[in-house]
Protein backbone atom coordinates (compact mmCIF):
# COMPACT_ATOMS: atom_id res chain seq x y z
CA MET A 1 -54.09 154.66 149.21
CA ALA A 2 -57.27 152.76 149.15
CA THR A 3 -60.19 153.91 151.28
CA LEU A 4 -61.64 152.09 153.81
CA LYS A 5 -64.96 151.65 151.61
CA GLN A 6 -62.53 150.36 148.83
CA ILE A 7 -60.89 147.81 151.33
CA ARG A 8 -64.06 146.41 152.52
CA SER A 9 -65.06 145.81 148.99
CA ARG A 10 -61.77 143.88 148.31
CA ILE A 11 -62.13 141.90 151.50
CA LYS A 12 -66.03 140.86 150.64
CA ALA A 13 -64.56 139.63 147.21
CA ALA A 14 -61.95 137.77 148.55
CA LYS A 15 -64.40 136.09 150.75
CA ASN A 16 -66.85 135.28 148.00
CA ILE A 17 -63.81 133.72 146.11
CA GLN A 18 -62.68 131.97 149.12
CA GLN A 19 -66.33 130.10 149.51
CA ILE A 20 -66.06 129.36 145.70
CA THR A 21 -62.96 127.63 146.43
CA LYS A 22 -63.69 125.73 149.04
CA ALA A 23 -66.77 124.17 147.86
CA MET A 24 -64.76 123.34 144.57
CA LYS A 25 -62.14 121.66 147.14
CA LEU A 26 -64.87 119.54 148.94
CA VAL A 27 -66.11 118.63 145.60
CA ALA A 28 -62.94 117.46 143.98
CA ALA A 29 -62.04 115.50 147.31
CA ALA A 30 -65.29 113.78 147.08
CA ARG A 31 -64.67 112.92 143.49
CA LEU A 32 -61.21 111.84 143.68
CA LYS A 33 -62.37 109.30 146.32
CA ARG A 34 -64.25 107.50 143.77
CA ALA A 35 -62.02 108.24 140.95
CA THR A 36 -59.08 106.46 143.49
CA ASP A 37 -61.39 103.71 143.93
CA ARG A 38 -61.84 103.14 140.27
CA VAL A 39 -58.58 103.08 139.46
CA LEU A 40 -57.49 100.70 142.19
CA GLU A 41 -60.27 98.19 141.02
CA ALA A 42 -59.26 98.30 137.47
CA ARG A 43 -55.48 97.84 137.92
CA PRO A 44 -55.97 94.23 139.13
CA TYR A 45 -58.15 93.39 136.02
CA ALA A 46 -55.67 94.99 133.70
CA ASP A 47 -52.57 93.30 135.41
CA LYS A 48 -54.64 89.81 135.05
CA LEU A 49 -55.36 90.34 131.47
CA LYS A 50 -51.50 91.05 130.88
CA ASP A 51 -50.74 87.79 132.78
CA VAL A 52 -53.16 85.93 130.17
CA MET A 53 -51.31 87.76 127.12
CA GLU A 54 -48.12 86.83 128.83
CA SER A 55 -49.07 83.10 128.99
CA LEU A 56 -50.14 83.17 125.15
CA SER A 57 -46.72 84.86 124.18
CA SER A 58 -44.88 82.01 126.32
CA SER A 59 -46.29 79.42 124.01
CA GLY A 60 -44.61 80.41 120.88
CA GLU A 61 -45.17 82.31 117.76
CA LEU A 62 -48.77 83.63 117.93
CA PRO A 63 -51.14 84.03 114.72
CA PRO A 64 -51.04 87.08 112.90
CA HIS A 65 -53.59 89.72 113.87
CA PRO A 66 -54.50 93.28 112.78
CA LEU A 67 -53.60 95.13 116.21
CA MET A 68 -50.18 92.92 116.27
CA GLU A 69 -49.51 94.39 112.66
CA LYS A 70 -46.10 95.90 112.59
CA ARG A 71 -45.41 98.34 109.68
CA GLU A 72 -43.04 101.04 108.63
CA VAL A 73 -44.21 104.10 110.56
CA LYS A 74 -45.44 106.98 108.65
CA LYS A 75 -47.93 108.57 110.59
CA ILE A 76 -48.66 108.41 114.43
CA CYS A 77 -52.07 109.03 116.28
CA LEU A 78 -51.53 110.21 119.63
CA ILE A 79 -54.73 110.19 122.36
CA ILE A 80 -54.21 113.10 124.89
CA ILE A 81 -56.46 112.94 127.84
CA THR A 82 -57.05 116.35 129.54
CA SER A 83 -59.95 117.67 131.49
CA ASP A 84 -62.95 119.89 129.97
CA ARG A 85 -62.67 122.38 132.87
CA GLY A 86 -59.46 124.39 134.31
CA LEU A 87 -58.76 125.29 137.28
CA ALA A 88 -56.81 122.43 138.06
CA GLY A 89 -53.12 123.68 138.60
CA ALA A 90 -50.77 122.49 136.13
CA TYR A 91 -52.49 119.17 135.13
CA ASN A 92 -53.50 120.36 131.46
CA THR A 93 -50.52 122.38 131.23
CA SER A 94 -47.86 119.55 131.56
CA LEU A 95 -49.98 117.31 129.39
CA ILE A 96 -49.90 119.82 126.56
CA ARG A 97 -46.56 120.28 126.79
CA LYS A 98 -45.86 117.00 126.89
CA THR A 99 -47.46 116.50 123.71
CA ALA A 100 -45.78 119.44 121.97
CA GLU A 101 -42.57 117.83 123.07
CA PHE A 102 -43.54 114.51 121.44
CA ILE A 103 -44.79 116.09 118.17
CA ARG A 104 -41.54 118.00 117.83
CA GLU A 105 -39.40 115.02 118.37
CA GLU A 106 -41.14 112.65 115.98
CA SER A 107 -40.23 112.66 112.10
CA VAL A 108 -43.18 111.80 110.95
CA PRO A 109 -46.71 113.47 110.81
CA VAL A 110 -48.60 113.02 114.48
CA THR A 111 -52.39 113.21 114.35
CA LEU A 112 -54.26 114.04 117.57
CA LEU A 113 -57.39 112.22 119.23
CA THR A 114 -58.29 114.91 122.02
CA VAL A 115 -60.24 113.53 124.97
CA GLY A 116 -61.08 116.52 127.10
CA LYS A 117 -61.87 120.29 125.61
CA LYS A 118 -58.63 121.59 127.04
CA GLY A 119 -56.28 120.01 124.94
CA ASN A 120 -58.69 120.34 121.84
CA GLN A 121 -58.59 124.08 122.23
CA PHE A 122 -55.20 124.45 122.34
CA PHE A 123 -54.46 122.38 119.48
CA SER A 124 -56.98 123.06 117.14
CA ARG A 125 -56.25 126.75 117.64
CA ARG A 126 -52.48 126.36 116.71
CA GLY A 127 -53.32 124.29 113.37
CA TYR A 128 -52.07 120.88 114.70
CA ASP A 129 -53.97 117.98 113.01
CA VAL A 130 -56.90 117.04 115.24
CA VAL A 131 -58.84 114.16 114.02
CA HIS A 132 -61.46 113.72 116.69
CA ASN A 133 -62.37 115.26 120.13
CA LEU A 134 -64.38 113.77 122.72
CA SER A 135 -65.69 115.62 125.85
CA VAL A 136 -65.94 113.69 129.05
CA PRO A 137 -68.89 114.53 131.80
CA SER A 138 -67.78 116.64 134.88
CA SER A 139 -67.61 113.71 137.32
CA GLY A 140 -65.16 111.76 135.36
CA ALA A 141 -64.77 109.53 132.06
CA THR A 142 -67.14 106.77 131.64
CA LEU A 143 -66.88 103.35 129.99
CA ALA A 144 -68.55 104.66 126.85
CA ASN A 145 -65.93 107.17 126.58
CA ALA A 146 -63.31 104.43 126.45
CA ILE A 147 -65.04 102.23 124.10
CA GLU A 148 -65.59 105.66 121.50
CA VAL A 149 -61.83 106.46 121.72
CA THR A 150 -61.16 102.61 121.39
CA ARG A 151 -62.80 102.49 118.46
CA THR A 152 -62.05 105.38 116.45
CA ALA A 153 -58.15 104.75 117.31
CA ARG A 154 -58.35 101.33 116.08
CA ASN A 155 -60.34 102.23 112.87
CA LEU A 156 -57.40 104.91 112.04
CA TYR A 157 -54.88 101.91 112.41
CA GLU A 158 -56.74 99.02 110.87
CA SER A 159 -57.57 101.58 107.82
CA GLY A 160 -53.44 102.13 107.55
CA GLU A 161 -54.43 105.92 108.07
CA VAL A 162 -51.80 105.87 110.94
CA ASP A 163 -49.28 102.98 111.81
CA ALA A 164 -49.02 103.67 115.57
CA VAL A 165 -50.93 104.44 118.40
CA PHE A 166 -49.72 106.04 121.66
CA VAL A 167 -51.36 107.71 124.65
CA CYS A 168 -50.77 110.79 126.86
CA TYR A 169 -52.07 110.66 130.15
CA ALA A 170 -51.13 111.44 133.68
CA LYS A 171 -50.10 108.36 135.81
CA PHE A 172 -51.96 109.18 139.17
CA TYR A 173 -49.82 108.45 142.65
CA SER A 174 -51.49 110.79 144.93
CA ALA A 175 -53.56 114.03 145.08
CA ILE A 176 -50.24 115.95 144.59
CA ARG A 177 -48.18 113.66 142.30
CA GLN A 178 -49.44 112.98 138.76
CA VAL A 179 -46.91 112.10 136.30
CA PRO A 180 -47.62 112.57 132.44
CA GLN A 181 -46.51 110.01 130.40
CA ILE A 182 -46.59 108.57 126.89
CA THR A 183 -47.18 105.09 126.17
CA GLN A 184 -47.58 103.02 122.83
CA LEU A 185 -50.89 100.93 122.36
CA LEU A 186 -50.67 100.19 119.03
CA PRO A 187 -49.59 97.60 117.30
CA ILE A 188 -49.81 95.81 120.55
CA GLU A 189 -46.63 93.76 121.65
CA PRO A 190 -47.10 90.54 123.58
CA PRO A 191 -45.70 91.08 127.07
CA THR A 192 -42.54 88.94 127.66
CA ALA A 193 -42.97 85.94 129.43
CA THR A 194 -40.99 85.74 132.79
CA GLU A 195 -38.46 83.30 133.35
CA THR A 196 -40.56 81.45 135.92
CA LYS A 197 -43.28 80.72 133.22
CA SER A 198 -42.76 77.41 131.44
CA ALA A 199 -42.79 77.68 127.39
CA GLY A 200 -44.26 74.11 126.71
CA ASP A 201 -46.60 73.19 124.66
CA VAL A 202 -50.10 75.21 125.03
CA GLN A 203 -53.47 73.77 123.59
CA PHE A 204 -55.96 76.54 122.60
CA GLU A 205 -59.71 76.22 123.06
CA PRO A 206 -61.15 77.69 120.95
CA ASP A 207 -58.43 78.00 118.32
CA ALA A 208 -55.83 80.85 118.78
CA ASP A 209 -57.14 82.84 116.16
CA THR A 210 -60.50 82.98 117.82
CA LEU A 211 -58.91 83.58 121.22
CA LEU A 212 -57.06 86.71 119.62
CA ASP A 213 -59.99 88.11 118.23
CA THR A 214 -61.53 88.08 121.72
CA LEU A 215 -58.58 89.10 123.88
CA LEU A 216 -56.68 91.93 121.89
CA PRO A 217 -59.66 94.07 121.30
CA ARG A 218 -60.54 93.72 124.86
CA TYR A 219 -56.76 94.10 126.01
CA PHE A 220 -56.57 97.45 123.62
CA GLN A 221 -59.85 98.78 125.06
CA THR A 222 -58.59 97.94 128.84
CA LEU A 223 -55.43 99.98 128.31
CA VAL A 224 -57.54 102.80 127.06
CA TRP A 225 -59.75 102.74 130.01
CA GLN A 226 -57.02 102.36 132.38
CA SER A 227 -55.49 105.60 130.84
CA LEU A 228 -58.94 107.33 131.31
CA LEU A 229 -59.27 106.57 134.93
CA GLU A 230 -55.60 107.36 135.79
CA GLY A 231 -56.40 110.75 134.08
CA THR A 232 -59.65 111.36 135.88
CA ALA A 233 -58.13 110.64 139.33
CA SER A 234 -55.06 112.94 138.49
CA GLU A 235 -57.47 115.64 137.38
CA PHE A 236 -59.35 115.65 140.60
CA GLY A 237 -56.31 115.29 142.75
CA ALA A 238 -54.48 118.41 141.10
CA ARG A 239 -57.77 120.22 140.95
CA MET A 240 -58.14 119.54 145.15
CA THR A 241 -54.47 120.74 145.26
CA ALA A 242 -55.21 123.89 143.48
CA MET A 243 -58.24 124.63 145.60
CA THR A 244 -56.76 123.97 148.65
CA GLY A 245 -53.97 126.34 147.90
CA ALA A 246 -56.71 128.90 146.39
CA THR A 247 -58.52 128.69 149.77
CA ASP A 248 -55.51 129.28 151.59
CA ASN A 249 -54.18 132.26 149.67
CA ALA A 250 -57.63 133.88 150.03
CA GLY A 251 -57.90 133.47 153.66
CA LYS A 252 -54.39 135.29 153.94
CA MET A 253 -55.66 137.99 151.71
CA ILE A 254 -58.54 138.65 153.94
CA LYS A 255 -56.23 138.75 156.77
CA SER A 256 -53.83 141.11 155.29
CA LEU A 257 -56.74 143.55 154.28
CA THR A 258 -58.59 143.26 157.67
CA LEU A 259 -55.28 144.46 159.03
CA GLU A 260 -54.92 147.20 156.31
CA ALA A 261 -58.60 148.23 156.65
CA ASN A 262 -57.95 148.35 160.84
CA ARG A 263 -55.19 150.53 160.08
CA VAL A 264 -57.02 153.05 157.89
CA ARG A 265 -59.76 153.10 160.36
CA GLN A 266 -57.50 153.76 163.03
CA ALA A 267 -55.91 156.40 161.27
CA SER A 268 -59.17 158.03 160.50
CA ILE A 269 -60.48 157.92 164.06
CA THR A 270 -57.13 159.41 165.02
CA THR A 271 -57.37 162.28 162.23
CA GLN A 272 -61.07 163.03 163.59
CA ILE A 273 -59.95 163.08 167.13
CA LEU A 274 -57.00 165.70 166.29
CA GLU A 275 -59.26 168.06 164.37
CA ILE A 276 -61.80 167.92 167.50
CA VAL A 277 -58.82 168.57 169.87
CA GLY A 278 -57.57 171.33 167.38
CA GLY A 279 -61.07 172.92 167.18
CA ALA A 280 -61.70 172.85 171.02
CA GLU A 281 -58.36 174.83 171.73
CA ALA A 282 -59.15 177.18 168.99
CA LEU A 283 -62.63 178.30 170.58
CA LYS A 284 -60.38 178.41 174.07
CA ASN A 285 -58.13 180.77 172.40
């Protein structure tokens, strides 16, 4: 049985951990609010750009473009978006598991472009082909990160090193729900025009080639940027939830240890009283 001194040492350690986890929860909550705002602000832009692509596809056959070139898939590039730090519950584990399942199911080689140290550390140590790694700031991914990922993936695709590009990220729904999913980015397939859109003649100004050269790279970058924003919000949501649970568990542990310390102290006092009474009775006799 632990001594009173040992129990009090445990209580002190639990209180220190509780202070740390509570601080991390507050930081994650503040960052989650900003990340959620960024996701909600970016979604209308991505949706509008998709509508523009849909309008173009309704005009008929589009001119060829390198980002729309379909060829036999002999090698795949998968962008996996994880975090640089842990203490985020099952956030990184679920993404790594999703990626590993994807690699096992594919019949062609898969090269990885990792965003975040956790994914890079896991796959690099196990001999997977990691072509590029990018660390993101603790405050979340930036547009410069999206540009770098876009440029690297585009170079791999246009050079013929890979024939398709996918992204694995956690789609953000709420602080307690983030769903890992894998989406194909390249080659870009024009969205299917809805029945309400007319497929009449469309006049391009400037010409269709120039328009696609401008829109398609931006469309690809927007998809990558949206994935990074979703991943950032999911990371902070998972970390806030994990730290909330850790803070609550620390509180329960402190309460349990305090009760145990009181029992040990009371038992010690009772023993001392019995010894005093026993000594007094011995003196009387």
